[in-house]
Amino acid sequence: MIKIVLADDHALIRAGLRQYVQDTPDIKVVDEADNGAEALKKALSCDYDVLVLDIGMPGVNGLDILKQLKNEKPDAKVLILTVHPEEQYAMRTIKAGASGYLTKDCEQQELISAIKKLAAGGRYISAQFAEKLAFGLIYSEKPLFELLSDREYQVLNMIVRGKRLKDIAEELSLSIKTISSYRARILDKLNLKTNVELARYAIDNKLIMAWEDCQLEKSK
């Protein structure tokens, strides 16, 4: 029996995933989490084989959870399941220690196959993404946003979603001065000057597509 922990802030998503695995006799959901702090706590304390983790968790985000978890529990097997396209986050999460990456529009059987492969000690990315990597279609010429650190990338996404620096600072438990420094570094690395230019860059490079999809999903 493969035991999994589901970490996603959407109750409907968790319910759907739970239903998926209930249809599979050799996989069992042993626990769930709907925020970052809870996900990290359960990932460190529960007895499970695979953690299915979303990136956009409230509080502690999925990337930070992944890094802390792998630091304290190096053998943990983590499957990232998110709305973010593979081109945006797959390599970042894999480098941070994830064993697999799937987007939420994947087929049920692909999710089940990924969970089983991770539980057996393997790794998993989609066939399409593997093909792009094999033929050098991704990262052969790195886009400028690939120069951003994970924290800078997170702050960028929050800025282009219209959050004020004060609100970002509060959400990330950092000072406004620190967030301002992140913003300045982001603009410098992307050769931009204003938030308007930053928003346009994010749209042109499809960096906020996942957020818009997520908002649409919430409104249904």
Protein backbone atom coordinates (compact mmCIF):
# COMPACT_ATOMS: atom_id res chain seq x y z
CA MET A 1 0.00 0.00 0.00
CA ILE A 2 1.40 3.39 -1.05
CA LYS A 3 0.66 6.07 1.55
CA ILE A 4 0.44 9.68 0.41
CA VAL A 5 -0.05 13.08 2.01
CA LEU A 6 -1.99 15.70 0.00
CA ALA A 7 -0.95 19.34 0.45
CA ASP A 8 -3.14 21.80 -1.45
CA ASP A 9 -5.06 24.88 -0.27
CA HIS A 10 -8.11 24.11 -2.44
CA ALA A 11 -10.58 21.76 -0.75
CA LEU A 12 -12.09 20.78 -4.12
CA ILE A 13 -8.68 19.84 -5.50
CA ARG A 14 -7.93 17.69 -2.45
CA ALA A 15 -11.34 16.03 -2.74
CA GLY A 16 -10.71 15.28 -6.41
CA LEU A 17 -7.26 13.84 -5.72
CA ARG A 18 -8.66 11.77 -2.88
CA GLN A 19 -11.30 10.37 -5.22
CA TYR A 20 -8.65 9.56 -7.81
CA VAL A 21 -6.60 7.46 -5.40
CA GLN A 22 -9.65 5.83 -3.81
CA ASP A 23 -10.23 4.28 -7.22
CA THR A 24 -6.73 2.78 -7.01
CA PRO A 25 -6.61 -0.11 -4.50
CA ASP A 26 -2.89 0.14 -3.70
CA ILE A 27 -2.78 3.89 -2.87
CA LYS A 28 -4.14 5.47 0.30
CA VAL A 29 -4.37 9.11 1.48
CA VAL A 30 -3.15 9.13 5.08
CA ASP A 31 -3.26 12.89 5.73
CA GLU A 32 -3.95 16.30 4.19
CA ALA A 33 -2.82 19.92 4.62
CA ASP A 34 -4.36 23.18 3.40
CA ASN A 35 -1.56 25.64 4.22
CA GLY A 36 2.21 25.76 4.09
CA ALA A 37 3.00 25.47 7.79
CA GLU A 38 0.68 22.50 8.21
CA ALA A 39 2.09 20.84 5.08
CA LEU A 40 5.65 21.13 6.35
CA LYS A 41 4.71 19.86 9.82
CA LYS A 42 2.93 16.79 8.43
CA ALA A 43 5.63 16.17 5.83
CA LEU A 44 8.18 15.99 8.63
CA SER A 45 6.12 13.92 11.08
CA CYS A 46 3.77 11.63 9.13
CA ASP A 47 4.54 8.13 7.94
CA TYR A 48 4.06 8.29 4.16
CA ASP A 49 5.65 7.30 0.87
CA VAL A 50 4.90 10.33 -1.33
CA LEU A 51 4.01 13.95 -0.55
CA VAL A 52 1.83 15.49 -3.28
CA LEU A 53 2.54 19.21 -2.95
CA ASP A 54 1.20 22.36 -4.60
CA ILE A 55 3.52 25.34 -5.09
CA GLY A 56 1.00 28.08 -4.29
CA MET A 57 0.42 27.27 -0.64
CA PRO A 58 -0.62 30.09 1.73
CA GLY A 59 1.95 31.01 4.35
CA VAL A 60 5.02 28.95 3.49
CA ASN A 61 5.07 28.38 -0.28
CA GLY A 62 5.75 25.03 -1.89
CA LEU A 63 9.34 25.79 -2.85
CA ASP A 64 10.26 26.77 0.71
CA ILE A 65 8.46 23.69 2.06
CA LEU A 66 10.42 21.53 -0.35
CA LYS A 67 13.77 23.04 0.62
CA GLN A 68 13.16 22.75 4.36
CA LEU A 69 11.81 19.23 4.02
CA LYS A 70 14.76 17.99 1.96
CA ASN A 71 17.14 19.61 4.44
CA GLU A 72 15.61 17.73 7.38
CA LYS A 73 14.32 14.64 5.59
CA PRO A 74 16.55 14.12 2.51
CA ASP A 75 14.90 10.85 1.47
CA ALA A 76 11.39 12.36 1.28
CA LYS A 77 9.71 11.78 -2.08
CA VAL A 78 7.82 14.86 -3.29
CA LEU A 79 5.59 15.14 -6.32
CA ILE A 80 4.83 18.74 -7.26
CA LEU A 81 1.29 19.08 -8.59
CA THR A 82 0.48 22.64 -9.63
CA VAL A 83 -1.20 24.96 -12.12
CA HIS A 84 2.18 26.45 -13.04
CA PRO A 85 3.46 25.33 -16.48
CA GLU A 86 6.55 23.12 -16.44
CA GLU A 87 8.63 25.81 -18.14
CA GLN A 88 8.13 28.08 -15.13
CA TYR A 89 8.85 25.86 -12.15
CA ALA A 90 9.79 22.28 -13.07
CA MET A 91 13.55 22.77 -13.15
CA ARG A 92 13.48 24.96 -10.03
CA THR A 93 11.61 22.35 -8.01
CA ILE A 94 13.66 19.43 -9.29
CA LYS A 95 16.87 21.26 -8.39
CA ALA A 96 15.37 21.93 -4.95
CA GLY A 97 14.79 18.21 -4.42
CA ALA A 98 11.42 17.29 -5.93
CA SER A 99 11.22 13.79 -7.40
CA GLY A 100 8.48 14.67 -9.87
CA TYR A 101 6.47 17.49 -11.44
CA LEU A 102 2.99 17.50 -12.97
CA THR A 103 0.48 20.18 -13.86
CA LYS A 104 -3.12 19.91 -12.65
CA ASP A 105 -4.45 19.40 -16.16
CA CYS A 106 -2.75 15.99 -16.33
CA GLU A 107 -4.80 12.83 -16.81
CA GLN A 108 -5.78 10.78 -13.76
CA GLN A 109 -3.74 7.79 -14.91
CA GLU A 110 -0.63 9.93 -15.35
CA LEU A 111 -0.95 11.15 -11.76
CA ILE A 112 -1.33 7.58 -10.50
CA SER A 113 1.68 6.46 -12.57
CA ALA A 114 3.78 9.32 -11.20
CA ILE A 115 2.90 8.48 -7.59
CA LYS A 116 3.75 4.80 -8.12
CA LYS A 117 7.04 5.64 -9.83
CA LEU A 118 8.12 7.95 -6.99
CA ALA A 119 7.09 5.39 -4.36
CA ALA A 120 9.31 2.85 -6.14
CA GLY A 121 12.27 5.23 -5.93
CA GLY A 122 12.05 6.74 -9.40
CA ARG A 123 11.48 10.25 -10.76
CA TYR A 124 8.76 11.63 -13.00
CA ILE A 125 8.24 14.44 -15.48
CA SER A 126 5.79 14.49 -18.37
CA ALA A 127 6.80 12.97 -21.69
CA GLN A 128 6.34 16.37 -23.37
CA PHE A 129 8.68 18.11 -20.96
CA ALA A 130 11.24 15.32 -21.18
CA GLU A 131 11.20 15.66 -24.97
CA LYS A 132 11.76 19.41 -24.78
CA LEU A 133 14.70 18.87 -22.45
CA ALA A 134 16.13 16.15 -24.69
CA PHE A 135 16.07 18.36 -27.75
CA GLY A 136 17.36 21.42 -25.92
CA LEU A 137 14.21 23.44 -26.45
CA ILE A 138 14.21 24.64 -22.85
CA TYR A 139 17.01 26.64 -21.24
CA SER A 140 19.23 26.52 -24.34
CA GLU A 141 19.08 30.30 -24.11
CA LYS A 142 17.90 31.21 -20.65
CA PRO A 143 15.26 33.94 -20.46
CA LEU A 144 16.09 36.79 -18.12
CA PHE A 145 13.58 35.66 -15.48
CA GLU A 146 15.68 32.51 -15.02
CA LEU A 147 18.32 34.77 -13.46
CA LEU A 148 15.97 35.50 -10.55
CA SER A 149 16.34 33.70 -7.26
CA ASP A 150 13.36 31.74 -5.97
CA ARG A 151 12.49 34.55 -3.53
CA GLU A 152 12.81 37.20 -6.25
CA TYR A 153 10.59 35.14 -8.50
CA GLN A 154 8.02 34.87 -5.71
CA VAL A 155 8.08 38.63 -5.07
CA LEU A 156 7.76 39.30 -8.81
CA ASN A 157 4.58 37.23 -8.97
CA MET A 158 3.13 39.04 -5.95
CA ILE A 159 3.92 42.47 -7.39
CA VAL A 160 2.37 41.78 -10.79
CA ARG A 161 -0.75 40.45 -9.04
CA GLY A 162 -1.18 43.95 -7.63
CA LYS A 163 -0.01 43.44 -4.06
CA ARG A 164 1.54 46.42 -2.29
CA LEU A 165 5.08 46.14 -0.94
CA LYS A 166 3.68 46.50 2.58
CA ASP A 167 1.31 43.56 2.06
CA ILE A 168 4.06 41.44 0.52
CA ALA A 169 6.31 42.20 3.48
CA GLU A 170 3.61 41.15 5.94
CA GLU A 171 2.79 37.95 4.05
CA LEU A 172 6.45 36.91 3.82
CA SER A 173 7.30 38.14 7.35
CA LEU A 174 9.99 40.47 5.99
CA SER A 175 10.58 44.21 6.26
CA ILE A 176 9.36 46.64 3.62
CA LYS A 177 12.99 47.65 3.09
CA THR A 178 13.88 44.05 2.25
CA ILE A 179 10.97 43.73 -0.20
CA SER A 180 11.99 47.05 -1.80
CA SER A 181 15.49 45.64 -2.25
CA TYR A 182 14.06 42.52 -3.90
CA ARG A 183 11.99 44.71 -6.23
CA ALA A 184 15.04 46.76 -7.17
CA ARG A 185 17.07 43.63 -7.93
CA ILE A 186 14.22 42.17 -10.00
CA LEU A 187 13.93 45.32 -12.12
CA ASP A 188 17.70 45.45 -12.53
CA LYS A 189 18.01 41.81 -13.64
CA LEU A 190 15.12 42.17 -16.10
CA ASN A 191 16.33 45.54 -17.41
CA LEU A 192 13.05 47.19 -16.41
CA LYS A 193 12.21 50.43 -14.62
CA THR A 194 8.61 50.38 -13.40
CA ASN A 195 5.93 48.01 -12.10
CA VAL A 196 3.98 48.62 -15.32
CA GLU A 197 6.91 47.36 -17.37
CA LEU A 198 7.26 44.43 -14.96
CA ALA A 199 3.59 43.50 -15.40
CA ARG A 200 3.94 43.66 -19.19
CA TYR A 201 7.06 41.48 -19.04
CA ALA A 202 5.21 38.95 -16.86
CA ILE A 203 2.29 38.81 -19.29
CA ASP A 204 4.52 38.52 -22.36
CA ASN A 205 6.47 35.65 -20.76
CA LYS A 206 3.32 33.96 -19.41
CA LEU A 207 4.54 34.30 -15.83
CA ILE A 208 1.09 35.19 -14.48
CA MET A 209 -0.98 32.84 -16.62
CA ALA A 210 -1.07 30.30 -13.80
CA TRP A 211 -2.35 32.88 -11.34
CA GLU A 212 -5.17 33.91 -13.69
CA ASP A 213 -6.10 30.25 -14.20
CA CYS A 214 -6.12 29.74 -10.45
CA GLN A 215 -8.39 32.74 -9.91
CA LEU A 216 -10.75 31.48 -12.62
CA GLU A 217 -10.86 28.10 -10.93
CA LYS A 218 -11.70 29.69 -7.57
CA SER A 219 -14.56 31.68 -9.13
CA LYS A 220 -16.31 28.60 -10.53
